């Protein structure tokens, strides 16, 4: 049996900076709201959401090798910027930190919340969206949030987020991650998470 949400929340609070913890609380709350809207388990979504950034400050140059040694695929962008592996580290440590086995879809959701993946599942979609739109994020206006949330599906929300990101990347000369492109193409082709 895993520890309670409140116990996990306290553990996460001890692992990350206060501002990041406030963000994690926001992600947990928005994840629960999205889960209710799309007939998913709100408690599970909040549990994943509060934990998603637990290893945000733990990723370093040793992380790609560590993740590979635990059987996780490491994408080229993660090799180049190991901070992107904080979700993978959380996936590896989730059972240990929760003091009991958590479902695999919890781990998959935290693993892919940063770059996305066609394999992230509905809870991964919920956390991916919540991570982008939680109220503390200053890069979005209320109108932006309404536009994203007005989509009828999780997949539709992800496309709206990714279209916004793509516009920003193009302006800044940033190359989109290959796994992110796969997610975008998967959804555009009618794929369901």
N, C-alpha and C. Protein backbone atom coordinates (compact mmCIF):
# COMPACT_ATOMS: atom_id res chain seq x y z
N UNK A 1 0.84 -1.19 0.00
CA UNK A 1 0.00 0.00 0.00
C UNK A 1 0.88 1.25 0.00
N UNK A 2 0.55 2.20 -0.84
CA UNK A 2 1.32 3.44 -0.92
C UNK A 2 0.88 4.41 0.17
N UNK A 3 1.75 5.35 0.47
CA UNK A 3 1.41 6.39 1.45
C UNK A 3 0.29 7.27 0.90
N UNK A 4 -0.34 8.02 1.77
CA UNK A 4 -1.45 8.88 1.38
C UNK A 4 -0.95 10.07 0.56
N UNK A 5 -1.90 10.75 -0.07
CA UNK A 5 -1.58 11.98 -0.80
C UNK A 5 -0.90 12.98 0.12
N UNK A 6 -1.44 13.17 1.30
CA UNK A 6 -0.90 14.15 2.24
C UNK A 6 0.54 13.82 2.62
N UNK A 7 0.81 12.53 2.82
CA UNK A 7 2.18 12.11 3.16
C UNK A 7 3.12 12.31 1.98
N UNK A 8 2.65 11.99 0.76
CA UNK A 8 3.48 12.19 -0.42
C UNK A 8 3.72 13.68 -0.65
N UNK A 9 2.69 14.48 -0.44
CA UNK A 9 2.81 15.93 -0.58
C UNK A 9 3.90 16.48 0.35
N UNK A 10 3.92 16.00 1.60
CA UNK A 10 4.93 16.44 2.56
C UNK A 10 6.33 16.02 2.11
N UNK A 11 6.43 14.83 1.55
CA UNK A 11 7.73 14.34 1.07
C UNK A 11 8.22 15.21 -0.08
N UNK A 12 7.33 15.48 -1.04
CA UNK A 12 7.70 16.31 -2.18
C UNK A 12 8.12 17.70 -1.71
N UNK A 13 7.40 18.24 -0.75
CA UNK A 13 7.73 19.57 -0.23
C UNK A 13 9.15 19.62 0.31
N UNK A 14 9.62 18.51 0.87
CA UNK A 14 10.98 18.46 1.42
C UNK A 14 12.05 18.28 0.33
N UNK A 15 11.62 17.96 -0.89
CA UNK A 15 12.55 17.62 -1.97
C UNK A 15 12.80 18.77 -2.94
N UNK A 16 11.90 19.74 -2.99
CA UNK A 16 12.00 20.78 -4.01
C UNK A 16 11.89 22.18 -3.40
N UNK A 17 12.24 23.16 -4.19
CA UNK A 17 12.20 24.55 -3.73
C UNK A 17 10.75 25.00 -3.53
N UNK A 18 10.51 25.96 -2.64
CA UNK A 18 9.14 26.40 -2.34
C UNK A 18 8.34 26.83 -3.57
N UNK A 19 8.95 27.56 -4.47
CA UNK A 19 8.22 28.01 -5.67
C UNK A 19 7.81 26.81 -6.53
N UNK A 20 8.69 25.83 -6.64
CA UNK A 20 8.38 24.63 -7.42
C UNK A 20 7.29 23.82 -6.73
N UNK A 21 7.28 23.83 -5.40
CA UNK A 21 6.24 23.11 -4.67
C UNK A 21 4.87 23.76 -4.90
N UNK A 22 4.82 25.08 -4.93
CA UNK A 22 3.57 25.78 -5.22
C UNK A 22 3.08 25.39 -6.62
N UNK A 23 4.01 25.32 -7.57
CA UNK A 23 3.67 24.86 -8.92
C UNK A 23 3.11 23.44 -8.87
N UNK A 24 3.74 22.56 -8.12
CA UNK A 24 3.29 21.17 -8.04
C UNK A 24 1.89 21.06 -7.44
N UNK A 25 1.62 21.90 -6.45
CA UNK A 25 0.26 21.92 -5.88
C UNK A 25 -0.75 22.36 -6.94
N UNK A 26 -0.37 23.34 -7.75
CA UNK A 26 -1.25 23.78 -8.83
C UNK A 26 -1.49 22.69 -9.86
N UNK A 27 -0.43 21.97 -10.20
CA UNK A 27 -0.55 20.87 -11.16
C UNK A 27 -1.46 19.77 -10.59
N UNK A 28 -1.30 19.45 -9.32
CA UNK A 28 -2.15 18.43 -8.69
C UNK A 28 -3.62 18.85 -8.76
N UNK A 29 -3.89 20.10 -8.44
CA UNK A 29 -5.27 20.59 -8.44
C UNK A 29 -5.88 20.57 -9.84
N UNK A 30 -5.15 21.10 -10.83
CA UNK A 30 -5.66 21.12 -12.20
C UNK A 30 -5.79 19.70 -12.74
N UNK A 31 -4.85 18.83 -12.39
CA UNK A 31 -4.93 17.42 -12.82
C UNK A 31 -6.21 16.77 -12.32
N UNK A 32 -6.55 17.02 -11.06
CA UNK A 32 -7.78 16.46 -10.49
C UNK A 32 -9.01 16.99 -11.21
N UNK A 33 -9.01 18.28 -11.52
CA UNK A 33 -10.15 18.89 -12.23
C UNK A 33 -10.30 18.27 -13.63
N UNK A 34 -9.19 18.12 -14.34
CA UNK A 34 -9.25 17.53 -15.67
C UNK A 34 -9.70 16.07 -15.60
N UNK A 35 -9.21 15.35 -14.60
CA UNK A 35 -9.60 13.95 -14.44
C UNK A 35 -11.12 13.83 -14.25
N UNK A 36 -11.69 14.67 -13.41
CA UNK A 36 -13.13 14.65 -13.20
C UNK A 36 -13.88 14.93 -14.51
N UNK A 37 -13.38 15.89 -15.26
CA UNK A 37 -14.04 16.25 -16.53
C UNK A 37 -14.02 15.10 -17.53
N UNK A 38 -12.96 14.31 -17.51
CA UNK A 38 -12.81 13.26 -18.52
C UNK A 38 -12.96 11.85 -17.94
N UNK A 39 -13.70 11.74 -16.85
CA UNK A 39 -14.06 10.44 -16.25
C UNK A 39 -12.84 9.58 -15.87
N UNK A 40 -11.83 10.24 -15.35
CA UNK A 40 -10.67 9.55 -14.80
C UNK A 40 -10.71 9.70 -13.28
N UNK A 41 -9.82 9.00 -12.59
CA UNK A 41 -9.79 9.04 -11.14
C UNK A 41 -9.06 10.30 -10.68
N UNK A 42 -9.79 11.21 -10.05
CA UNK A 42 -9.21 12.50 -9.64
C UNK A 42 -8.13 12.33 -8.59
N UNK A 43 -8.31 11.37 -7.68
CA UNK A 43 -7.30 11.14 -6.63
C UNK A 43 -6.00 10.65 -7.23
N UNK A 44 -6.09 9.75 -8.21
CA UNK A 44 -4.89 9.27 -8.89
C UNK A 44 -4.19 10.41 -9.62
N UNK A 45 -4.98 11.23 -10.30
CA UNK A 45 -4.41 12.35 -11.06
C UNK A 45 -3.70 13.33 -10.14
N UNK A 46 -4.30 13.63 -8.99
CA UNK A 46 -3.67 14.55 -8.04
C UNK A 46 -2.38 13.95 -7.48
N UNK A 47 -2.39 12.66 -7.19
CA UNK A 47 -1.22 11.96 -6.65
C UNK A 47 -0.04 12.06 -7.63
N UNK A 48 -0.34 11.80 -8.90
CA UNK A 48 0.69 11.91 -9.93
C UNK A 48 1.14 13.37 -10.06
N UNK A 49 0.18 14.28 -10.05
CA UNK A 49 0.48 15.70 -10.24
C UNK A 49 1.38 16.27 -9.16
N UNK A 50 1.12 15.92 -7.90
CA UNK A 50 1.95 16.48 -6.82
C UNK A 50 3.38 15.96 -6.91
N UNK A 51 3.55 14.77 -7.49
CA UNK A 51 4.86 14.12 -7.53
C UNK A 51 5.67 14.42 -8.80
N UNK A 52 5.04 14.98 -9.82
CA UNK A 52 5.66 15.01 -11.15
C UNK A 52 7.02 15.69 -11.19
N UNK A 53 7.25 16.70 -10.36
CA UNK A 53 8.52 17.44 -10.37
C UNK A 53 9.41 17.13 -9.17
N UNK A 54 9.16 16.02 -8.50
CA UNK A 54 9.91 15.70 -7.27
C UNK A 54 11.42 15.66 -7.51
N UNK A 55 11.85 15.30 -8.72
CA UNK A 55 13.28 15.17 -9.01
C UNK A 55 13.79 16.31 -9.91
N UNK A 56 13.08 17.41 -9.89
CA UNK A 56 13.41 18.56 -10.74
C UNK A 56 14.83 19.07 -10.50
N UNK A 57 15.32 18.93 -9.28
CA UNK A 57 16.65 19.44 -8.95
C UNK A 57 17.68 18.32 -8.77
N UNK A 58 17.31 17.11 -9.17
CA UNK A 58 18.21 15.96 -8.98
C UNK A 58 18.88 15.51 -10.27
N UNK A 59 18.33 15.92 -11.41
CA UNK A 59 18.89 15.47 -12.69
C UNK A 59 20.22 16.16 -12.95
N UNK A 60 21.19 15.36 -13.39
CA UNK A 60 22.52 15.89 -13.72
C UNK A 60 23.14 15.03 -14.81
N UNK A 61 24.43 15.21 -15.05
CA UNK A 61 25.09 14.52 -16.17
C UNK A 61 25.09 12.99 -16.02
N UNK A 62 24.88 12.50 -14.80
CA UNK A 62 24.84 11.05 -14.60
C UNK A 62 23.45 10.46 -14.89
N UNK A 63 22.46 11.33 -15.06
CA UNK A 63 21.08 10.86 -15.19
C UNK A 63 20.81 10.02 -16.44
N UNK A 64 21.35 10.38 -17.62
CA UNK A 64 21.08 9.52 -18.78
C UNK A 64 21.52 8.07 -18.57
N UNK A 65 22.72 7.87 -18.06
CA UNK A 65 23.20 6.51 -17.80
C UNK A 65 22.38 5.80 -16.75
N UNK A 66 22.01 6.53 -15.70
CA UNK A 66 21.19 5.96 -14.63
C UNK A 66 19.83 5.51 -15.17
N UNK A 67 19.23 6.34 -15.99
CA UNK A 67 17.92 5.98 -16.56
C UNK A 67 18.04 4.77 -17.48
N UNK A 68 19.08 4.76 -18.32
CA UNK A 68 19.27 3.60 -19.20
C UNK A 68 19.49 2.32 -18.39
N UNK A 69 20.21 2.43 -17.27
CA UNK A 69 20.48 1.24 -16.45
C UNK A 69 19.20 0.69 -15.82
N UNK A 70 18.16 1.53 -15.77
CA UNK A 70 16.85 1.10 -15.27
C UNK A 70 15.87 0.79 -16.40
N UNK A 71 16.40 0.64 -17.61
CA UNK A 71 15.60 0.19 -18.73
C UNK A 71 14.77 1.25 -19.43
N UNK A 72 15.04 2.53 -19.16
CA UNK A 72 14.28 3.60 -19.80
C UNK A 72 15.01 4.11 -21.05
N UNK A 73 14.25 4.36 -22.08
CA UNK A 73 14.81 5.00 -23.27
C UNK A 73 15.11 6.46 -22.95
N UNK A 74 16.25 6.91 -23.37
CA UNK A 74 16.64 8.31 -23.19
C UNK A 74 16.69 8.95 -24.57
N UNK A 75 15.94 10.02 -24.74
CA UNK A 75 15.84 10.69 -26.03
C UNK A 75 17.03 11.63 -26.23
N UNK A 76 17.40 11.90 -27.48
CA UNK A 76 18.59 12.75 -27.74
C UNK A 76 18.55 14.09 -27.01
N UNK A 77 17.38 14.70 -26.95
CA UNK A 77 17.25 15.99 -26.27
C UNK A 77 17.52 15.87 -24.78
N UNK A 78 17.21 14.71 -24.21
CA UNK A 78 17.47 14.46 -22.79
C UNK A 78 18.95 14.21 -22.54
N UNK A 79 19.61 13.58 -23.50
CA UNK A 79 21.07 13.43 -23.40
C UNK A 79 21.74 14.81 -23.40
N UNK A 80 21.23 15.68 -24.25
CA UNK A 80 21.81 17.03 -24.38
C UNK A 80 21.48 17.91 -23.18
N UNK A 81 20.32 17.70 -22.56
CA UNK A 81 19.88 18.51 -21.43
C UNK A 81 19.28 17.58 -20.37
N UNK A 82 20.14 16.99 -19.52
CA UNK A 82 19.67 15.98 -18.56
C UNK A 82 18.59 16.45 -17.60
N UNK A 83 18.41 17.78 -17.42
CA UNK A 83 17.32 18.25 -16.57
C UNK A 83 15.98 17.73 -17.06
N UNK A 84 15.88 17.50 -18.37
CA UNK A 84 14.64 16.99 -18.94
C UNK A 84 14.30 15.58 -18.43
N UNK A 85 15.28 14.93 -17.81
CA UNK A 85 15.06 13.58 -17.29
C UNK A 85 14.47 13.56 -15.88
N UNK A 86 14.08 14.70 -15.33
CA UNK A 86 13.56 14.67 -13.97
C UNK A 86 12.29 13.83 -13.87
N UNK A 87 11.49 13.78 -14.94
CA UNK A 87 10.31 12.92 -14.94
C UNK A 87 10.69 11.45 -14.96
N UNK A 88 11.74 11.12 -15.71
CA UNK A 88 12.22 9.73 -15.75
C UNK A 88 12.74 9.31 -14.38
N UNK A 89 13.47 10.21 -13.72
CA UNK A 89 13.97 9.89 -12.37
C UNK A 89 12.81 9.69 -11.40
N UNK A 90 11.78 10.51 -11.52
CA UNK A 90 10.60 10.35 -10.67
C UNK A 90 9.94 8.99 -10.92
N UNK A 91 9.85 8.60 -12.19
CA UNK A 91 9.26 7.30 -12.52
C UNK A 91 10.04 6.16 -11.86
N UNK A 92 11.36 6.26 -11.90
CA UNK A 92 12.21 5.21 -11.32
C UNK A 92 12.02 5.14 -9.81
N UNK A 93 11.88 6.28 -9.15
CA UNK A 93 11.83 6.34 -7.69
C UNK A 93 10.42 6.35 -7.10
N UNK A 94 9.40 6.29 -7.95
CA UNK A 94 8.03 6.47 -7.47
C UNK A 94 7.65 5.45 -6.40
N UNK A 95 7.91 4.17 -6.66
CA UNK A 95 7.56 3.13 -5.67
C UNK A 95 8.25 3.38 -4.33
N UNK A 96 9.52 3.68 -4.40
CA UNK A 96 10.31 3.93 -3.18
C UNK A 96 9.77 5.13 -2.40
N UNK A 97 9.52 6.22 -3.10
CA UNK A 97 9.05 7.42 -2.42
C UNK A 97 7.62 7.29 -1.91
N UNK A 98 6.82 6.51 -2.62
CA UNK A 98 5.43 6.28 -2.19
C UNK A 98 5.34 5.16 -1.16
N UNK A 99 6.47 4.53 -0.89
CA UNK A 99 6.55 3.44 0.10
C UNK A 99 5.58 2.30 -0.20
N UNK A 100 5.50 1.98 -1.47
CA UNK A 100 4.66 0.89 -1.93
C UNK A 100 4.52 0.98 -3.43
N UNK A 101 4.12 -0.12 -4.03
CA UNK A 101 4.03 -0.15 -5.50
C UNK A 101 2.90 0.75 -5.99
N UNK A 102 3.22 1.63 -6.91
CA UNK A 102 2.20 2.44 -7.57
C UNK A 102 1.94 1.85 -8.95
N UNK A 103 0.76 2.07 -9.51
CA UNK A 103 0.47 1.52 -10.85
C UNK A 103 1.45 2.03 -11.90
N UNK A 104 1.69 1.20 -12.89
CA UNK A 104 2.62 1.58 -13.94
C UNK A 104 2.21 2.86 -14.65
N UNK A 105 0.89 3.10 -14.77
CA UNK A 105 0.47 4.31 -15.48
C UNK A 105 0.81 5.57 -14.70
N UNK A 106 0.99 5.47 -13.38
CA UNK A 106 1.51 6.62 -12.61
C UNK A 106 2.92 6.96 -13.10
N UNK A 107 3.73 5.92 -13.22
CA UNK A 107 5.13 6.10 -13.62
C UNK A 107 5.23 6.60 -15.06
N UNK A 108 4.41 6.05 -15.94
CA UNK A 108 4.41 6.49 -17.33
C UNK A 108 4.02 7.96 -17.43
N UNK A 109 3.05 8.37 -16.64
CA UNK A 109 2.59 9.76 -16.67
C UNK A 109 3.70 10.72 -16.25
N UNK A 110 4.39 10.43 -15.15
CA UNK A 110 5.46 11.35 -14.73
C UNK A 110 6.65 11.27 -15.67
N UNK A 111 6.90 10.10 -16.23
CA UNK A 111 8.03 9.94 -17.16
C UNK A 111 7.90 10.90 -18.35
N UNK A 112 6.69 11.03 -18.88
CA UNK A 112 6.53 11.75 -20.14
C UNK A 112 5.89 13.13 -20.01
N UNK A 113 5.83 13.68 -18.79
CA UNK A 113 5.13 14.96 -18.65
C UNK A 113 5.88 16.14 -19.27
N UNK A 114 7.16 15.99 -19.52
CA UNK A 114 7.96 17.12 -20.01
C UNK A 114 7.90 17.25 -21.53
N UNK A 115 8.26 16.20 -22.24
CA UNK A 115 8.30 16.26 -23.71
C UNK A 115 7.06 15.65 -24.36
N UNK A 116 6.28 14.89 -23.58
CA UNK A 116 5.13 14.19 -24.13
C UNK A 116 5.57 12.92 -24.85
N UNK A 117 4.60 12.07 -25.15
CA UNK A 117 4.86 10.82 -25.86
C UNK A 117 3.52 10.22 -26.28
N UNK A 118 3.47 9.54 -27.42
CA UNK A 118 2.23 8.83 -27.77
C UNK A 118 1.88 7.74 -26.75
N UNK A 119 2.85 7.35 -25.95
CA UNK A 119 2.64 6.28 -24.98
C UNK A 119 2.27 6.78 -23.58
N UNK A 120 2.04 8.08 -23.40
CA UNK A 120 1.88 8.61 -22.03
C UNK A 120 0.53 8.32 -21.41
N UNK A 121 -0.46 7.94 -22.20
CA UNK A 121 -1.75 7.57 -21.65
C UNK A 121 -2.56 8.78 -21.18
N UNK A 122 -3.81 8.54 -20.76
CA UNK A 122 -4.67 9.67 -20.37
C UNK A 122 -4.17 10.42 -19.14
N UNK A 123 -3.57 9.72 -18.18
CA UNK A 123 -3.07 10.42 -17.00
C UNK A 123 -1.82 11.24 -17.34
N UNK A 124 -1.02 10.73 -18.26
CA UNK A 124 0.10 11.52 -18.75
C UNK A 124 -0.38 12.77 -19.46
N UNK A 125 -1.47 12.64 -20.23
CA UNK A 125 -2.05 13.79 -20.91
C UNK A 125 -2.53 14.82 -19.90
N UNK A 126 -3.20 14.36 -18.86
CA UNK A 126 -3.73 15.25 -17.82
C UNK A 126 -2.61 16.04 -17.17
N UNK A 127 -1.54 15.36 -16.78
CA UNK A 127 -0.43 16.04 -16.10
C UNK A 127 0.33 16.96 -17.07
N UNK A 128 0.50 16.54 -18.30
CA UNK A 128 1.14 17.36 -19.32
C UNK A 128 0.38 18.68 -19.48
N UNK A 129 -0.93 18.59 -19.59
CA UNK A 129 -1.77 19.78 -19.75
C UNK A 129 -1.72 20.64 -18.48
N UNK A 130 -1.92 20.00 -17.33
CA UNK A 130 -1.92 20.73 -16.05
C UNK A 130 -0.59 21.43 -15.81
N UNK A 131 0.50 20.80 -16.19
CA UNK A 131 1.84 21.38 -16.02
C UNK A 131 1.97 22.66 -16.83
N UNK A 132 1.32 22.70 -17.96
CA UNK A 132 1.41 23.87 -18.85
C UNK A 132 0.48 25.00 -18.43
N UNK A 133 -0.71 24.66 -17.93
CA UNK A 133 -1.73 25.70 -17.72
C UNK A 133 -2.00 26.05 -16.26
N UNK A 134 -1.32 25.41 -15.31
CA UNK A 134 -1.66 25.68 -13.91
C UNK A 134 -1.58 27.19 -13.64
N UNK A 135 -2.40 27.69 -12.72
CA UNK A 135 -2.57 29.14 -12.56
C UNK A 135 -1.31 29.95 -12.29
N UNK A 136 -0.27 29.32 -11.73
CA UNK A 136 0.96 30.06 -11.44
C UNK A 136 1.83 30.34 -12.65
N UNK A 137 1.52 29.69 -13.78
CA UNK A 137 2.31 29.90 -14.99
C UNK A 137 2.04 31.29 -15.55
N UNK A 138 3.08 32.09 -15.65
CA UNK A 138 2.93 33.48 -16.07
C UNK A 138 3.01 33.67 -17.58
N UNK A 139 3.40 32.62 -18.32
CA UNK A 139 3.53 32.77 -19.77
C UNK A 139 2.17 32.71 -20.48
N UNK A 140 1.11 32.40 -19.75
CA UNK A 140 -0.22 32.29 -20.34
C UNK A 140 -1.14 33.39 -19.83
N UNK A 141 -2.01 33.85 -20.69
CA UNK A 141 -3.08 34.75 -20.27
C UNK A 141 -4.31 33.91 -19.92
N UNK A 142 -5.28 34.52 -19.29
CA UNK A 142 -6.54 33.82 -19.01
C UNK A 142 -7.20 33.39 -20.30
N UNK A 143 -7.06 34.20 -21.33
CA UNK A 143 -7.63 33.85 -22.64
C UNK A 143 -6.95 32.62 -23.22
N UNK A 144 -5.63 32.53 -23.06
CA UNK A 144 -4.89 31.35 -23.52
C UNK A 144 -5.41 30.10 -22.81
N UNK A 145 -5.58 30.20 -21.50
CA UNK A 145 -6.08 29.04 -20.73
C UNK A 145 -7.47 28.63 -21.19
N UNK A 146 -8.33 29.62 -21.37
CA UNK A 146 -9.69 29.32 -21.83
C UNK A 146 -9.67 28.63 -23.19
N UNK A 147 -8.79 29.12 -24.07
CA UNK A 147 -8.67 28.52 -25.41
C UNK A 147 -8.26 27.04 -25.30
N UNK A 148 -7.27 26.76 -24.48
CA UNK A 148 -6.81 25.38 -24.30
C UNK A 148 -7.93 24.53 -23.70
N UNK A 149 -8.53 25.01 -22.63
CA UNK A 149 -9.54 24.24 -21.91
C UNK A 149 -10.85 24.09 -22.68
N UNK A 150 -11.07 24.91 -23.70
CA UNK A 150 -12.31 24.79 -24.47
C UNK A 150 -12.29 23.63 -25.45
N UNK A 151 -11.14 23.00 -25.65
CA UNK A 151 -11.09 21.81 -26.50
C UNK A 151 -11.94 20.70 -25.87
N UNK A 152 -12.53 19.87 -26.71
CA UNK A 152 -13.45 18.84 -26.23
C UNK A 152 -12.76 17.59 -25.69
N UNK A 153 -11.48 17.43 -26.01
CA UNK A 153 -10.75 16.24 -25.62
C UNK A 153 -9.39 16.60 -25.05
N UNK A 154 -8.79 15.67 -24.34
CA UNK A 154 -7.42 15.85 -23.86
C UNK A 154 -6.47 16.02 -25.04
N UNK A 155 -6.71 15.23 -26.08
CA UNK A 155 -5.85 15.31 -27.26
C UNK A 155 -5.94 16.69 -27.90
N UNK A 156 -7.17 17.23 -27.95
CA UNK A 156 -7.35 18.57 -28.52
C UNK A 156 -6.63 19.63 -27.71
N UNK A 157 -6.64 19.49 -26.39
CA UNK A 157 -5.91 20.43 -25.53
C UNK A 157 -4.42 20.34 -25.79
N UNK A 158 -3.92 19.14 -25.94
CA UNK A 158 -2.49 18.96 -26.19
C UNK A 158 -2.09 19.62 -27.51
N UNK A 159 -2.89 19.45 -28.55
CA UNK A 159 -2.59 20.08 -29.83
C UNK A 159 -2.55 21.60 -29.68
N UNK A 160 -3.49 22.16 -28.94
CA UNK A 160 -3.49 23.62 -28.75
C UNK A 160 -2.24 24.08 -28.00
N UNK A 161 -1.84 23.31 -26.99
CA UNK A 161 -0.60 23.63 -26.26
C UNK A 161 0.60 23.54 -27.20
N UNK A 162 0.66 22.44 -27.95
CA UNK A 162 1.82 22.23 -28.82
C UNK A 162 1.88 23.25 -29.94
N UNK A 163 0.74 23.70 -30.44
CA UNK A 163 0.74 24.76 -31.45
C UNK A 163 1.33 26.04 -30.87
N UNK A 164 0.97 26.35 -29.61
CA UNK A 164 1.54 27.53 -28.95
C UNK A 164 3.04 27.37 -28.75
N UNK A 165 3.45 26.18 -28.33
CA UNK A 165 4.88 25.93 -28.13
C UNK A 165 5.64 26.02 -29.44
N UNK A 166 5.07 25.46 -30.49
CA UNK A 166 5.73 25.48 -31.80
C UNK A 166 5.93 26.91 -32.29
N UNK A 167 4.96 27.75 -32.06
CA UNK A 167 5.08 29.16 -32.45
C UNK A 167 6.24 29.81 -31.69
N UNK A 168 6.31 29.53 -30.39
CA UNK A 168 7.39 30.08 -29.57
C UNK A 168 8.74 29.52 -30.02
N UNK A 169 8.81 28.21 -30.25
CA UNK A 169 10.07 27.59 -30.68
C UNK A 169 10.56 28.21 -31.98
N UNK A 170 9.63 28.41 -32.92
CA UNK A 170 10.01 28.97 -34.20
C UNK A 170 10.59 30.38 -34.03
N UNK A 171 9.94 31.16 -33.18
CA UNK A 171 10.39 32.54 -32.93
C UNK A 171 11.77 32.56 -32.27
N UNK A 172 12.02 31.60 -31.37
CA UNK A 172 13.28 31.55 -30.62
C UNK A 172 14.36 30.69 -31.28
N UNK A 173 14.03 30.03 -32.38
CA UNK A 173 15.00 29.17 -33.06
C UNK A 173 15.28 27.89 -32.30
N UNK A 174 14.30 27.37 -31.57
CA UNK A 174 14.45 26.14 -30.79
C UNK A 174 13.92 24.97 -31.60
N UNK A 175 14.67 23.89 -31.62
CA UNK A 175 14.24 22.69 -32.35
C UNK A 175 13.32 21.85 -31.45
N UNK A 176 12.19 21.45 -31.99
CA UNK A 176 11.26 20.62 -31.24
C UNK A 176 11.83 19.22 -31.06
N UNK A 177 11.60 18.63 -29.89
CA UNK A 177 12.07 17.28 -29.61
C UNK A 177 11.38 16.27 -30.52
N UNK A 178 12.14 15.27 -30.93
CA UNK A 178 11.59 14.24 -31.82
C UNK A 178 10.39 13.53 -31.23
N UNK A 179 10.43 13.20 -29.94
CA UNK A 179 9.32 12.50 -29.30
C UNK A 179 8.09 13.41 -29.23
N UNK A 180 8.30 14.70 -29.10
CA UNK A 180 7.18 15.65 -29.12
C UNK A 180 6.53 15.68 -30.50
N UNK A 181 7.35 15.66 -31.54
CA UNK A 181 6.80 15.61 -32.91
C UNK A 181 5.99 14.34 -33.11
N UNK A 182 6.47 13.23 -32.56
CA UNK A 182 5.73 11.97 -32.69
C UNK A 182 4.37 12.06 -32.01
N UNK A 183 4.33 12.69 -30.84
CA UNK A 183 3.06 12.88 -30.14
C UNK A 183 2.12 13.73 -30.99
N UNK A 184 2.61 14.83 -31.49
CA UNK A 184 1.79 15.73 -32.31
C UNK A 184 1.23 15.00 -33.53
N UNK A 185 2.10 14.29 -34.24
CA UNK A 185 1.67 13.56 -35.45
C UNK A 185 0.69 12.44 -35.10
N UNK A 186 0.92 11.77 -33.97
CA UNK A 186 0.03 10.69 -33.52
C UNK A 186 -1.38 11.23 -33.28
N UNK A 187 -1.48 12.35 -32.60
CA UNK A 187 -2.80 12.92 -32.32
C UNK A 187 -3.44 13.44 -33.60
N UNK A 188 -2.67 14.11 -34.43
CA UNK A 188 -3.20 14.65 -35.68
C UNK A 188 -3.73 13.54 -36.60
N UNK A 189 -3.14 12.34 -36.47
CA UNK A 189 -3.58 11.20 -37.27
C UNK A 189 -4.79 10.49 -36.65
N UNK A 190 -5.29 11.03 -35.54
CA UNK A 190 -6.48 10.46 -34.90
C UNK A 190 -6.18 9.57 -33.71
N UNK A 191 -4.93 9.55 -33.28
CA UNK A 191 -4.56 8.71 -32.14
C UNK A 191 -5.19 9.20 -30.84
N UNK A 192 -5.53 8.25 -29.99
CA UNK A 192 -6.13 8.55 -28.68
C UNK A 192 -5.19 8.10 -27.57
N UNK A 193 -5.08 8.94 -26.56
CA UNK A 193 -4.24 8.62 -25.41
C UNK A 193 -5.06 7.87 -24.37
